[in-house]
Structures are given as C-alpha cells and as structure tokens.
Amino acid sequence: FGQLMDALEIGRIAIAASAVGLAAAALSAALRF
C-alpha cells in the first residue's frame, strides 16, 4: 500500500500532464476555428 501511494503520485502527475496536453489541443483548435 505504501509503495502504491508513492507510485500513484507519478500517476497523478501523468494524468495532469495529459489533461494539460488535451486542453492545449482544445485551445489550439478554438484559435484556428
């Protein structure tokens, strides 16, 4: 459980970064349109 909680911090950062990437794609599409 302790090992997992440590590793899930990496997972949260990965999800956050992926969300930022998708948000950037959305803004880019809005600007072009």
Full PDB file with SEQRES, HELIX, SHEET, SSBOND, CRYST1, ORIGX, SCALE, CONECT and MASTER records, all heavy atoms in Angstrom:
SEQRES   1 A   33  PHE GLY GLN LEU MET ASP ALA LEU GLU ILE GLY ARG ILE          
SEQRES   2 A   33  ALA ILE ALA ALA SER ALA VAL GLY LEU ALA ALA ALA ALA          
SEQRES   3 A   33  LEU SER ALA ALA LEU ARG PHE                                  
HELIX    1 AA1 GLY A    2  ARG A   32  1                                  31    
CRYST1    1.000    1.000    1.000  90.00  90.00  90.00 P 1           1          
ORIGX1      1.000000  0.000000  0.000000        0.00000                         
ORIGX2      0.000000  1.000000  0.000000        0.00000                         
ORIGX3      0.000000  0.000000  1.000000        0.00000                         
SCALE1      1.000000  0.000000  0.000000        0.00000                         
SCALE2      0.000000  1.000000  0.000000        0.00000                         
SCALE3      0.000000  0.000000  1.000000        0.00000                         
ATOM      1  N   PHE A   1       0.831  -1.200   0.000  1.00  0.00           N  
ATOM      2  CA  PHE A   1       0.000   0.000   0.000  1.00  0.00           C  
ATOM      3  C   PHE A   1       0.872   1.259   0.000  1.00  0.00           C  
ATOM      4  O   PHE A   1       0.619   2.203  -0.753  1.00  0.00           O  
ATOM      5  CB  PHE A   1      -0.941   0.003   1.203  1.00  0.00           C  
ATOM      6  CG  PHE A   1      -2.027   1.036   1.105  1.00  0.00           C  
ATOM      7  CD1 PHE A   1      -3.163   0.809   0.348  1.00  0.00           C  
ATOM      8  CD2 PHE A   1      -1.917   2.240   1.780  1.00  0.00           C  
ATOM      9  CE1 PHE A   1      -4.166   1.765   0.249  1.00  0.00           C  
ATOM     10  CE2 PHE A   1      -2.910   3.199   1.697  1.00  0.00           C  
ATOM     11  CZ  PHE A   1      -4.039   2.969   0.934  1.00  0.00           C  
ATOM     12  N   GLY A   2       1.897   1.272   0.824  1.00  0.00           N  
ATOM     13  CA  GLY A   2       2.807   2.412   0.846  1.00  0.00           C  
ATOM     14  C   GLY A   2       3.543   2.577  -0.472  1.00  0.00           C  
ATOM     15  O   GLY A   2       3.723   3.702  -0.961  1.00  0.00           O  
ATOM     16  N   GLN A   3       3.989   1.455  -1.045  1.00  0.00           N  
ATOM     17  CA  GLN A   3       4.651   1.517  -2.350  1.00  0.00           C  
ATOM     18  C   GLN A   3       3.713   2.090  -3.406  1.00  0.00           C  
ATOM     19  O   GLN A   3       4.108   2.922  -4.235  1.00  0.00           O  
ATOM     20  CB  GLN A   3       5.110   0.114  -2.759  1.00  0.00           C  
ATOM     21  CG  GLN A   3       6.195  -0.469  -1.875  1.00  0.00           C  
ATOM     22  CD  GLN A   3       6.371  -1.965  -2.082  1.00  0.00           C  
ATOM     23  OE1 GLN A   3       5.495  -2.645  -2.620  1.00  0.00           O  
ATOM     24  NE2 GLN A   3       7.509  -2.505  -1.645  1.00  0.00           N  
ATOM     25  N   LEU A   4       2.467   1.654  -3.360  1.00  0.00           N  
ATOM     26  CA  LEU A   4       1.484   2.118  -4.333  1.00  0.00           C  
ATOM     27  C   LEU A   4       1.209   3.602  -4.182  1.00  0.00           C  
ATOM     28  O   LEU A   4       1.136   4.326  -5.180  1.00  0.00           O  
ATOM     29  CB  LEU A   4       0.190   1.322  -4.177  1.00  0.00           C  
ATOM     30  CG  LEU A   4      -0.946   1.726  -5.118  1.00  0.00           C  
ATOM     31  CD1 LEU A   4      -0.577   1.431  -6.559  1.00  0.00           C  
ATOM     32  CD2 LEU A   4      -2.233   1.016  -4.736  1.00  0.00           C  
ATOM     33  N   MET A   5       1.043   4.086  -2.961  1.00  0.00           N  
ATOM     34  CA  MET A   5       0.750   5.501  -2.748  1.00  0.00           C  
ATOM     35  C   MET A   5       1.874   6.382  -3.293  1.00  0.00           C  
ATOM     36  O   MET A   5       1.628   7.447  -3.867  1.00  0.00           O  
ATOM     37  CB  MET A   5       0.533   5.785  -1.262  1.00  0.00           C  
ATOM     38  CG  MET A   5      -0.742   5.178  -0.685  1.00  0.00           C  
ATOM     39  SD  MET A   5      -2.271   5.755  -1.506  1.00  0.00           S  
ATOM     40  CE  MET A   5      -2.664   4.313  -2.529  1.00  0.00           C  
ATOM     41  N   ASP A   6       3.102   5.931  -3.130  1.00  0.00           N  
ATOM     42  CA  ASP A   6       4.245   6.653  -3.695  1.00  0.00           C  
ATOM     43  C   ASP A   6       4.156   6.669  -5.223  1.00  0.00           C  
ATOM     44  O   ASP A   6       4.295   7.718  -5.868  1.00  0.00           O  
ATOM     45  CB  ASP A   6       5.538   5.985  -3.232  1.00  0.00           C  
ATOM     46  CG  ASP A   6       6.785   6.753  -3.636  1.00  0.00           C  
ATOM     47  OD1 ASP A   6       6.932   7.070  -4.826  1.00  0.00           O  
ATOM     48  OD2 ASP A   6       7.632   7.020  -2.761  1.00  0.00           O  
ATOM     49  N   ALA A   7       3.903   5.511  -5.802  1.00  0.00           N  
ATOM     50  CA  ALA A   7       3.854   5.407  -7.267  1.00  0.00           C  
ATOM     51  C   ALA A   7       2.683   6.170  -7.860  1.00  0.00           C  
ATOM     52  O   ALA A   7       2.781   6.722  -8.970  1.00  0.00           O  
ATOM     53  CB  ALA A   7       3.795   3.937  -7.673  1.00  0.00           C  
ATOM     54  N   LEU A   8       1.565   6.215  -7.143  1.00  0.00           N  
ATOM     55  CA  LEU A   8       0.390   6.910  -7.679  1.00  0.00           C  
ATOM     56  C   LEU A   8       0.600   8.416  -7.777  1.00  0.00           C  
ATOM     57  O   LEU A   8      -0.119   9.094  -8.520  1.00  0.00           O  
ATOM     58  CB  LEU A   8      -0.848   6.598  -6.837  1.00  0.00           C  
ATOM     59  CG  LEU A   8      -1.437   5.203  -7.012  1.00  0.00           C  
ATOM     60  CD1 LEU A   8      -2.701   5.041  -6.170  1.00  0.00           C  
ATOM     61  CD2 LEU A   8      -1.730   4.894  -8.479  1.00  0.00           C  
ATOM     62  N   GLU A   9       1.569   8.952  -7.041  1.00  0.00           N  
ATOM     63  CA  GLU A   9       1.906  10.361  -7.234  1.00  0.00           C  
ATOM     64  C   GLU A   9       2.413  10.585  -8.657  1.00  0.00           C  
ATOM     65  O   GLU A   9       2.111  11.606  -9.287  1.00  0.00           O  
ATOM     66  CB  GLU A   9       2.945  10.799  -6.201  1.00  0.00           C  
ATOM     67  CG  GLU A   9       2.394  10.828  -4.772  1.00  0.00           C  
ATOM     68  CD  GLU A   9       3.458  11.129  -3.726  1.00  0.00           C  
ATOM     69  OE1 GLU A   9       4.610  11.389  -4.109  1.00  0.00           O  
ATOM     70  OE2 GLU A   9       3.131  11.109  -2.528  1.00  0.00           O  
ATOM     71  N   ILE A  10       3.169   9.620  -9.172  1.00  0.00           N  
ATOM     72  CA  ILE A  10       3.605   9.674 -10.570  1.00  0.00           C  
ATOM     73  C   ILE A  10       2.394   9.569 -11.491  1.00  0.00           C  
ATOM     74  O   ILE A  10       2.282  10.303 -12.488  1.00  0.00           O  
ATOM     75  CB  ILE A  10       4.593   8.526 -10.869  1.00  0.00           C  
ATOM     76  CG1 ILE A  10       5.904   8.741 -10.105  1.00  0.00           C  
ATOM     77  CG2 ILE A  10       4.862   8.409 -12.376  1.00  0.00           C  
ATOM     78  CD1 ILE A  10       6.731   9.895 -10.601  1.00  0.00           C  
ATOM     79  N   GLY A  11       1.462   8.680 -11.160  1.00  0.00           N  
ATOM     80  CA  GLY A  11       0.260   8.533 -11.981  1.00  0.00           C  
ATOM     81  C   GLY A  11      -0.572   9.795 -12.021  1.00  0.00           C  
ATOM     82  O   GLY A  11      -1.097  10.176 -13.078  1.00  0.00           O  
ATOM     83  N   ARG A  12      -0.695  10.481 -10.884  1.00  0.00           N  
ATOM     84  CA  ARG A  12      -1.459  11.732 -10.869  1.00  0.00           C  
ATOM     85  C   ARG A  12      -0.787  12.795 -11.726  1.00  0.00           C  
ATOM     86  O   ARG A  12      -1.458  13.551 -12.446  1.00  0.00           O  
ATOM     87  CB  ARG A  12      -1.572  12.247  -9.432  1.00  0.00           C  
ATOM     88  CG  ARG A  12      -2.490  11.457  -8.528  1.00  0.00           C  
ATOM     89  CD  ARG A  12      -2.503  12.109  -7.156  1.00  0.00           C  
ATOM     90  NE  ARG A  12      -3.039  11.227  -6.131  1.00  0.00           N  
ATOM     91  CZ  ARG A  12      -2.656  11.230  -4.867  1.00  0.00           C  
ATOM     92  NH1 ARG A  12      -1.720  12.065  -4.462  1.00  0.00           N  
ATOM     93  NH2 ARG A  12      -3.210  10.416  -4.008  1.00  0.00           N  
ATOM     94  N   ILE A  13       0.531  12.873 -11.626  1.00  0.00           N  
ATOM     95  CA  ILE A  13       1.263  13.848 -12.448  1.00  0.00           C  
ATOM     96  C   ILE A  13       1.093  13.533 -13.931  1.00  0.00           C  
ATOM     97  O   ILE A  13       0.916  14.430 -14.760  1.00  0.00           O  
ATOM     98  CB  ILE A  13       2.750  13.870 -12.039  1.00  0.00           C  
ATOM     99  CG1 ILE A  13       2.890  14.461 -10.636  1.00  0.00           C  
ATOM    100  CG2 ILE A  13       3.587  14.648 -13.043  1.00  0.00           C  
ATOM    101  CD1 ILE A  13       4.258  14.264  -9.995  1.00  0.00           C  
ATOM    102  N   ALA A  14       1.115  12.243 -14.266  1.00  0.00           N  
ATOM    103  CA  ALA A  14       0.912  11.845 -15.661  1.00  0.00           C  
ATOM    104  C   ALA A  14      -0.477  12.223 -16.156  1.00  0.00           C  
ATOM    105  O   ALA A  14      -0.643  12.702 -17.282  1.00  0.00           O  
ATOM    106  CB  ALA A  14       1.143  10.338 -15.812  1.00  0.00           C  
ATOM    107  N   ILE A  15      -1.502  12.000 -15.322  1.00  0.00           N  
ATOM    108  CA  ILE A  15      -2.863  12.384 -15.693  1.00  0.00           C  
ATOM    109  C   ILE A  15      -2.966  13.893 -15.858  1.00  0.00           C  
ATOM    110  O   ILE A  15      -3.569  14.405 -16.808  1.00  0.00           O  
ATOM    111  CB  ILE A  15      -3.872  11.895 -14.637  1.00  0.00           C  
ATOM    112  CG1 ILE A  15      -4.049  10.378 -14.734  1.00  0.00           C  
ATOM    113  CG2 ILE A  15      -5.227  12.583 -14.800  1.00  0.00           C  
ATOM    114  CD1 ILE A  15      -4.824   9.914 -15.946  1.00  0.00           C  
ATOM    115  N   ALA A  16      -2.369  14.637 -14.919  1.00  0.00           N  
ATOM    116  CA  ALA A  16      -2.402  16.096 -15.003  1.00  0.00           C  
ATOM    117  C   ALA A  16      -1.734  16.577 -16.289  1.00  0.00           C  
ATOM    118  O   ALA A  16      -2.270  17.451 -16.998  1.00  0.00           O  
ATOM    119  CB  ALA A  16      -1.715  16.712 -13.785  1.00  0.00           C  
ATOM    120  N   ALA A  17      -0.570  16.026 -16.603  1.00  0.00           N  
ATOM    121  CA  ALA A  17       0.152  16.435 -17.810  1.00  0.00           C  
ATOM    122  C   ALA A  17      -0.641  16.089 -19.069  1.00  0.00           C  
ATOM    123  O   ALA A  17      -0.690  16.874 -20.025  1.00  0.00           O  
ATOM    124  CB  ALA A  17       1.524  15.769 -17.848  1.00  0.00           C  
ATOM    125  N   SER A  18      -1.268  14.918 -19.065  1.00  0.00           N  
ATOM    126  CA  SER A  18      -2.092  14.529 -20.218  1.00  0.00           C  
ATOM    127  C   SER A  18      -3.280  15.469 -20.374  1.00  0.00           C  
ATOM    128  O   SER A  18      -3.640  15.851 -21.491  1.00  0.00           O  
ATOM    129  CB  SER A  18      -2.582  13.087 -20.036  1.00  0.00           C  
ATOM    130  OG  SER A  18      -1.508  12.185 -19.904  1.00  0.00           O  
ATOM    131  N   ALA A  19      -3.890  15.855 -19.255  1.00  0.00           N  
ATOM    132  CA  ALA A  19      -5.011  16.794 -19.304  1.00  0.00           C  
ATOM    133  C   ALA A  19      -4.570  18.143 -19.840  1.00  0.00           C  
ATOM    134  O   ALA A  19      -5.294  18.789 -20.619  1.00  0.00           O  
ATOM    135  CB  ALA A  19      -5.623  16.937 -17.912  1.00  0.00           C  
ATOM    136  N   VAL A  20      -3.388  18.582 -19.447  1.00  0.00           N  
ATOM    137  CA  VAL A  20      -2.856  19.840 -19.963  1.00  0.00           C  
ATOM    138  C   VAL A  20      -2.655  19.750 -21.476  1.00  0.00           C  
ATOM    139  O   VAL A  20      -2.978  20.677 -22.222  1.00  0.00           O  
ATOM    140  CB  VAL A  20      -1.536  20.207 -19.256  1.00  0.00           C  
ATOM    141  CG1 VAL A  20      -0.844  21.370 -19.959  1.00  0.00           C  
ATOM    142  CG2 VAL A  20      -1.799  20.569 -17.797  1.00  0.00           C  
ATOM    143  N   GLY A  21      -2.125  18.619 -21.941  1.00  0.00           N  
ATOM    144  CA  GLY A  21      -1.929  18.444 -23.377  1.00  0.00           C  
ATOM    145  C   GLY A  21      -3.228  18.487 -24.143  1.00  0.00           C  
ATOM    146  O   GLY A  21      -3.326  19.130 -25.207  1.00  0.00           O  
ATOM    147  N   LEU A  22      -4.255  17.819 -23.624  1.00  0.00           N  
ATOM    148  CA  LEU A  22      -5.558  17.828 -24.292  1.00  0.00           C  
ATOM    149  C   LEU A  22      -6.170  19.225 -24.254  1.00  0.00           C  
ATOM    150  O   LEU A  22      -6.761  19.679 -25.242  1.00  0.00           O  
ATOM    151  CB  LEU A  22      -6.487  16.816 -23.622  1.00  0.00           C  
ATOM    152  CG  LEU A  22      -7.887  16.661 -24.228  1.00  0.00           C  
ATOM    153  CD1 LEU A  22      -7.832  16.308 -25.701  1.00  0.00           C  
ATOM    154  CD2 LEU A  22      -8.689  15.610 -23.457  1.00  0.00           C  
ATOM    155  N   ALA A  23      -6.026  19.927 -23.136  1.00  0.00           N  
ATOM    156  CA  ALA A  23      -6.529  21.301 -23.039  1.00  0.00           C  
ATOM    157  C   ALA A  23      -5.829  22.206 -24.040  1.00  0.00           C  
ATOM    158  O   ALA A  23      -6.457  23.083 -24.662  1.00  0.00           O  
ATOM    159  CB  ALA A  23      -6.336  21.833 -21.620  1.00  0.00           C  
ATOM    160  N   ALA A  24      -4.526  21.998 -24.225  1.00  0.00           N  
ATOM    161  CA  ALA A  24      -3.781  22.788 -25.206  1.00  0.00           C  
ATOM    162  C   ALA A  24      -4.288  22.522 -26.622  1.00  0.00           C  
ATOM    163  O   ALA A  24      -4.405  23.447 -27.443  1.00  0.00           O  
ATOM    164  CB  ALA A  24      -2.292  22.471 -25.104  1.00  0.00           C  
ATOM    165  N   ALA A  25      -4.580  21.269 -26.925  1.00  0.00           N  
ATOM    166  CA  ALA A  25      -5.130  20.933 -28.239  1.00  0.00           C  
ATOM    167  C   ALA A  25      -6.479  21.604 -28.453  1.00  0.00           C  
ATOM    168  O   ALA A  25      -6.797  22.082 -29.552  1.00  0.00           O  
ATOM    169  CB  ALA A  25      -5.260  19.415 -28.372  1.00  0.00           C  
ATOM    170  N   ALA A  26      -7.293  21.663 -27.389  1.00  0.00           N  
ATOM    171  CA  ALA A  26      -8.604  22.302 -27.491  1.00  0.00           C  
ATOM    172  C   ALA A  26      -8.469  23.791 -27.758  1.00  0.00           C  
ATOM    173  O   ALA A  26      -9.183  24.360 -28.597  1.00  0.00           O  
ATOM    174  CB  ALA A  26      -9.403  22.052 -26.219  1.00  0.00           C  
ATOM    175  N   LEU A  27      -7.564  24.454 -27.040  1.00  0.00           N  
ATOM    176  CA  LEU A  27      -7.353  25.886 -27.271  1.00  0.00           C  
ATOM    177  C   LEU A  27      -6.832  26.133 -28.677  1.00  0.00           C  
ATOM    178  O   LEU A  27      -7.264  27.070 -29.356  1.00  0.00           O  
ATOM    179  CB  LEU A  27      -6.380  26.443 -26.232  1.00  0.00           C  
ATOM    180  CG  LEU A  27      -5.990  27.917 -26.420  1.00  0.00           C  
ATOM    181  CD1 LEU A  27      -7.211  28.831 -26.430  1.00  0.00           C  
ATOM    182  CD2 LEU A  27      -4.994  28.348 -25.340  1.00  0.00           C  
ATOM    183  N   SER A  28      -5.907  25.300 -29.123  1.00  0.00           N  
ATOM    184  CA  SER A  28      -5.366  25.451 -30.476  1.00  0.00           C  
ATOM    185  C   SER A  28      -6.470  25.333 -31.526  1.00  0.00           C  
ATOM    186  O   SER A  28      -6.540  26.128 -32.470  1.00  0.00           O  
ATOM    187  CB  SER A  28      -4.281  24.393 -30.715  1.00  0.00           C  
ATOM    188  OG  SER A  28      -3.731  24.517 -32.007  1.00  0.00           O  
ATOM    189  N   ALA A  29      -7.348  24.351 -31.353  1.00  0.00           N  
ATOM    190  CA  ALA A  29      -8.459  24.168 -32.294  1.00  0.00           C  
ATOM    191  C   ALA A  29      -9.393  25.372 -32.261  1.00  0.00           C  
ATOM    192  O   ALA A  29      -9.883  25.831 -33.311  1.00  0.00           O  
ATOM    193  CB  ALA A  29      -9.221  22.891 -31.950  1.00  0.00           C  
ATOM    194  N   ALA A  30      -9.644  25.906 -31.069  1.00  0.00           N  
ATOM    195  CA  ALA A  30     -10.528  27.074 -30.947  1.00  0.00           C  
ATOM    196  C   ALA A  30      -9.927  28.295 -31.625  1.00  0.00           C  
ATOM    197  O   ALA A  30     -10.635  29.067 -32.303  1.00  0.00           O  
ATOM    198  CB  ALA A  30     -10.800  27.357 -29.473  1.00  0.00           C  
ATOM    199  N   LEU A  31      -8.630  28.491 -31.459  1.00  0.00           N  
ATOM    200  CA  LEU A  31      -7.966  29.627 -32.085  1.00  0.00           C  
ATOM    201  C   LEU A  31      -8.031  29.536 -33.609  1.00  0.00           C  
ATOM    202  O   LEU A  31      -8.299  30.529 -34.297  1.00  0.00           O  
ATOM    203  CB  LEU A  31      -6.507  29.699 -31.624  1.00  0.00           C  
ATOM    204  CG  LEU A  31      -6.271  30.168 -30.185  1.00  0.00           C  
ATOM    205  CD1 LEU A  31      -4.820  29.909 -29.777  1.00  0.00           C  
ATOM    206  CD2 LEU A  31      -6.602  31.650 -30.053  1.00  0.00           C  
ATOM    207  N   ARG A  32      -7.771  28.336 -34.145  1.00  0.00           N  
ATOM    208  CA  ARG A  32      -7.817  28.167 -35.606  1.00  0.00           C  
ATOM    209  C   ARG A  32      -9.216  28.410 -36.142  1.00  0.00           C  
ATOM    210  O   ARG A  32      -9.397  29.095 -37.157  1.00  0.00           O  
ATOM    211  CB  ARG A  32      -7.354  26.750 -35.976  1.00  0.00           C  
ATOM    212  CG  ARG A  32      -5.881  26.504 -35.763  1.00  0.00           C  
ATOM    213  CD  ARG A  32      -5.441  25.216 -36.472  1.00  0.00           C  
ATOM    214  NE  ARG A  32      -6.242  24.073 -36.090  1.00  0.00           N  
ATOM    215  CZ  ARG A  32      -5.980  23.296 -35.041  1.00  0.00           C  
ATOM    216  NH1 ARG A  32      -4.939  23.560 -34.265  1.00  0.00           N  
ATOM    217  NH2 ARG A  32      -6.744  22.257 -34.762  1.00  0.00           N  
ATOM    218  N   PHE A  33     -10.209  27.824 -35.465  1.00  0.00           N  
ATOM    219  CA  PHE A  33     -11.587  27.984 -35.938  1.00  0.00           C  
ATOM    220  C   PHE A  33     -12.023  29.441 -35.856  1.00  0.00           C  
ATOM    221  O   PHE A  33     -12.647  29.971 -36.796  1.00  0.00           O  
ATOM    222  CB  PHE A  33     -12.523  27.116 -35.098  1.00  0.00           C  
ATOM    223  CG  PHE A  33     -13.948  27.123 -35.581  1.00  0.00           C  
ATOM    224  CD1 PHE A  33     -14.352  26.253 -36.590  1.00  0.00           C  
ATOM    225  CD2 PHE A  33     -14.870  28.000 -35.052  1.00  0.00           C  
ATOM    226  CE1 PHE A  33     -15.664  26.268 -37.055  1.00  0.00           C  
ATOM    227  CE2 PHE A  33     -16.181  28.021 -35.514  1.00  0.00           C  
ATOM    228  CZ  PHE A  33     -16.574  27.152 -36.508  1.00  0.00           C  
TER     229      PHE A  33                                                      
MASTER        0    0    0    1    0    0    0    6  228    1    0    3          
END                                                                             
